[in-house]
Amino acid sequence: MVARVNDVIWNNGAACNTNYRVRCIGPAIPGVPLTCRGESVVVKVGDRYHPLARQNPQVTIDLSEEAFAVIADTDGSRINIVYDR
């Protein structure tokens, strides 16, 4: 499974092809119902965000749909996560 990352994690390409373990810890928007599945997923960084998407500094990792579905209910669009290498 793959993901895109923000410029800080991207680090001039140093993060390309590295793996991160990601886990959902709740909704990013208070009051929005969201079910975290209690699972974690390992994703490989393949790219950084598109320039227009970089305008939101709160976004750290953009998961593929497949990876998102492993850790959270797919009705949500933004989740709070914890991650490590």
C-alpha atoms as a PDB file:
ATOM      1  CA  MET A   1       0.000   0.000   0.000  1.00  0.00           C
ATOM      2  CA  VAL A   2       1.187   3.496  -0.757  1.00  0.00           C
ATOM      3  CA  ALA A   3       0.972   7.052   0.550  1.00  0.00           C
ATOM      4  CA  ARG A   4       2.023  10.603  -0.253  1.00  0.00           C
ATOM      5  CA  VAL A   5       3.592  12.799   2.417  1.00  0.00           C
ATOM      6  CA  ASN A   6       4.023  16.479   3.228  1.00  0.00           C
ATOM      7  CA  ASP A   7       7.234  18.364   2.456  1.00  0.00           C
ATOM      8  CA  VAL A   8       8.582  17.983   6.008  1.00  0.00           C
ATOM      9  CA  ILE A   9       8.395  14.176   5.893  1.00  0.00           C
ATOM     10  CA  TRP A  10       9.396  14.126   2.199  1.00  0.00           C
ATOM     11  CA  ASN A  11      12.692  15.840   3.123  1.00  0.00           C
ATOM     12  CA  ASN A  12      13.845  16.526  -0.455  1.00  0.00           C
ATOM     13  CA  GLY A  13      13.057  12.947  -1.482  1.00  0.00           C
ATOM     14  CA  ALA A  14      14.784  11.173   1.416  1.00  0.00           C
ATOM     15  CA  ALA A  15      11.467   9.551   2.427  1.00  0.00           C
ATOM     16  CA  CYS A  16      10.802   8.079  -1.025  1.00  0.00           C
ATOM     17  CA  ASN A  17      10.385   4.281  -0.837  1.00  0.00           C
ATOM     18  CA  THR A  18      10.488   4.251   2.975  1.00  0.00           C
ATOM     19  CA  ASN A  19       7.803   2.511   5.023  1.00  0.00           C
ATOM     20  CA  TYR A  20       5.631   4.065   7.713  1.00  0.00           C
ATOM     21  CA  ARG A  21       3.270   2.305  10.102  1.00  0.00           C
ATOM     22  CA  VAL A  22       0.081   4.378  10.466  1.00  0.00           C
ATOM     23  CA  ARG A  23      -2.772   4.068  12.990  1.00  0.00           C
ATOM     24  CA  CYS A  24      -6.025   6.038  13.270  1.00  0.00           C
ATOM     25  CA  ILE A  25      -6.626   7.753  16.628  1.00  0.00           C
ATOM     26  CA  GLY A  26      -9.859   9.624  15.832  1.00  0.00           C
ATOM     27  CA  PRO A  27     -11.604  12.112  13.545  1.00  0.00           C
ATOM     28  CA  ALA A  28      -9.719  15.233  12.454  1.00  0.00           C
ATOM     29  CA  ILE A  29     -12.886  17.326  12.745  1.00  0.00           C
ATOM     30  CA  PRO A  30     -14.482  17.311  16.226  1.00  0.00           C
ATOM     31  CA  GLY A  31     -18.050  16.006  16.266  1.00  0.00           C
ATOM     32  CA  VAL A  32     -17.742  14.109  12.992  1.00  0.00           C
ATOM     33  CA  PRO A  33     -18.567  10.449  13.587  1.00  0.00           C
ATOM     34  CA  LEU A  34     -15.733   8.150  12.587  1.00  0.00           C
ATOM     35  CA  THR A  35     -14.843   4.611  13.437  1.00  0.00           C
ATOM     36  CA  CYS A  36     -11.182   3.784  13.809  1.00  0.00           C
ATOM     37  CA  ARG A  37     -10.753   0.060  13.255  1.00  0.00           C
ATOM     38  CA  GLY A  38      -8.017  -0.411  15.871  1.00  0.00           C
ATOM     39  CA  GLU A  39      -5.624  -1.667  13.203  1.00  0.00           C
ATOM     40  CA  SER A  40      -2.408  -0.249  11.818  1.00  0.00           C
ATOM     41  CA  VAL A  41      -1.226  -0.337   8.222  1.00  0.00           C
ATOM     42  CA  VAL A  42       2.252  -0.167   6.698  1.00  0.00           C
ATOM     43  CA  VAL A  43       2.505   2.119   3.676  1.00  0.00           C
ATOM     44  CA  LYS A  44       5.378   2.882   1.325  1.00  0.00           C
ATOM     45  CA  VAL A  45       5.979   6.543   0.522  1.00  0.00           C
ATOM     46  CA  GLY A  46       5.805   7.020  -3.216  1.00  0.00           C
ATOM     47  CA  ASP A  47       5.494  10.773  -3.644  1.00  0.00           C
ATOM     48  CA  ARG A  48       4.850  14.090  -1.961  1.00  0.00           C
ATOM     49  CA  TYR A  49       1.597  16.018  -2.188  1.00  0.00           C
ATOM     50  CA  HIS A  50       0.484  17.849  -5.270  1.00  0.00           C
ATOM     51  CA  PRO A  51       1.405  21.564  -4.838  1.00  0.00           C
ATOM     52  CA  LEU A  52      -2.227  22.651  -4.330  1.00  0.00           C
ATOM     53  CA  ALA A  53      -2.753  20.078  -1.569  1.00  0.00           C
ATOM     54  CA  ARG A  54       0.283  21.384   0.334  1.00  0.00           C
ATOM     55  CA  GLN A  55      -1.666  24.442   1.449  1.00  0.00           C
ATOM     56  CA  ASN A  56      -2.979  22.550   4.506  1.00  0.00           C
ATOM     57  CA  PRO A  57      -0.069  22.207   6.980  1.00  0.00           C
ATOM     58  CA  GLN A  58      -2.071  19.852   9.226  1.00  0.00           C
ATOM     59  CA  VAL A  59      -1.992  17.082   6.630  1.00  0.00           C
ATOM     60  CA  THR A  60       1.024  14.821   7.108  1.00  0.00           C
ATOM     61  CA  ILE A  61       0.255  11.614   5.198  1.00  0.00           C
ATOM     62  CA  ASP A  62      -2.231  11.093   2.360  1.00  0.00           C
ATOM     63  CA  LEU A  63      -3.136   7.393   2.394  1.00  0.00           C
ATOM     64  CA  SER A  64      -4.306   5.397  -0.596  1.00  0.00           C
ATOM     65  CA  GLU A  65      -7.981   4.384  -0.401  1.00  0.00           C
ATOM     66  CA  GLU A  66      -6.923   0.801   0.276  1.00  0.00           C
ATOM     67  CA  ALA A  67      -4.685   1.801   3.207  1.00  0.00           C
ATOM     68  CA  PHE A  68      -7.315   4.173   4.660  1.00  0.00           C
ATOM     69  CA  ALA A  69      -9.928   1.387   4.619  1.00  0.00           C
ATOM     70  CA  VAL A  70      -7.682  -0.821   6.764  1.00  0.00           C
ATOM     71  CA  ILE A  71      -7.514   1.672   9.648  1.00  0.00           C
ATOM     72  CA  ALA A  72     -10.781   3.666   9.496  1.00  0.00           C
ATOM     73  CA  ASP A  73     -14.350   3.757   8.254  1.00  0.00           C
ATOM     74  CA  THR A  74     -14.181   4.961   4.655  1.00  0.00           C
ATOM     75  CA  ASP A  75     -17.080   7.413   5.158  1.00  0.00           C
ATOM     76  CA  GLY A  76     -14.576   9.862   6.662  1.00  0.00           C
ATOM     77  CA  SER A  77     -12.134  11.954   4.705  1.00  0.00           C
ATOM     78  CA  ARG A  78      -9.744  13.191   7.381  1.00  0.00           C
ATOM     79  CA  ILE A  79      -8.503  11.368  10.425  1.00  0.00           C
ATOM     80  CA  ASN A  80      -5.973  11.988  13.155  1.00  0.00           C
ATOM     81  CA  ILE A  81      -3.151   9.478  13.019  1.00  0.00           C
ATOM     82  CA  VAL A  82       0.027   8.421  14.720  1.00  0.00           C
ATOM     83  CA  TYR A  83       2.856   7.087  12.609  1.00  0.00           C
ATOM     84  CA  ASP A  84       6.409   5.824  12.850  1.00  0.00           C
ATOM     85  CA  ARG A  85       9.049   4.308  10.614  1.00  0.00           C
END
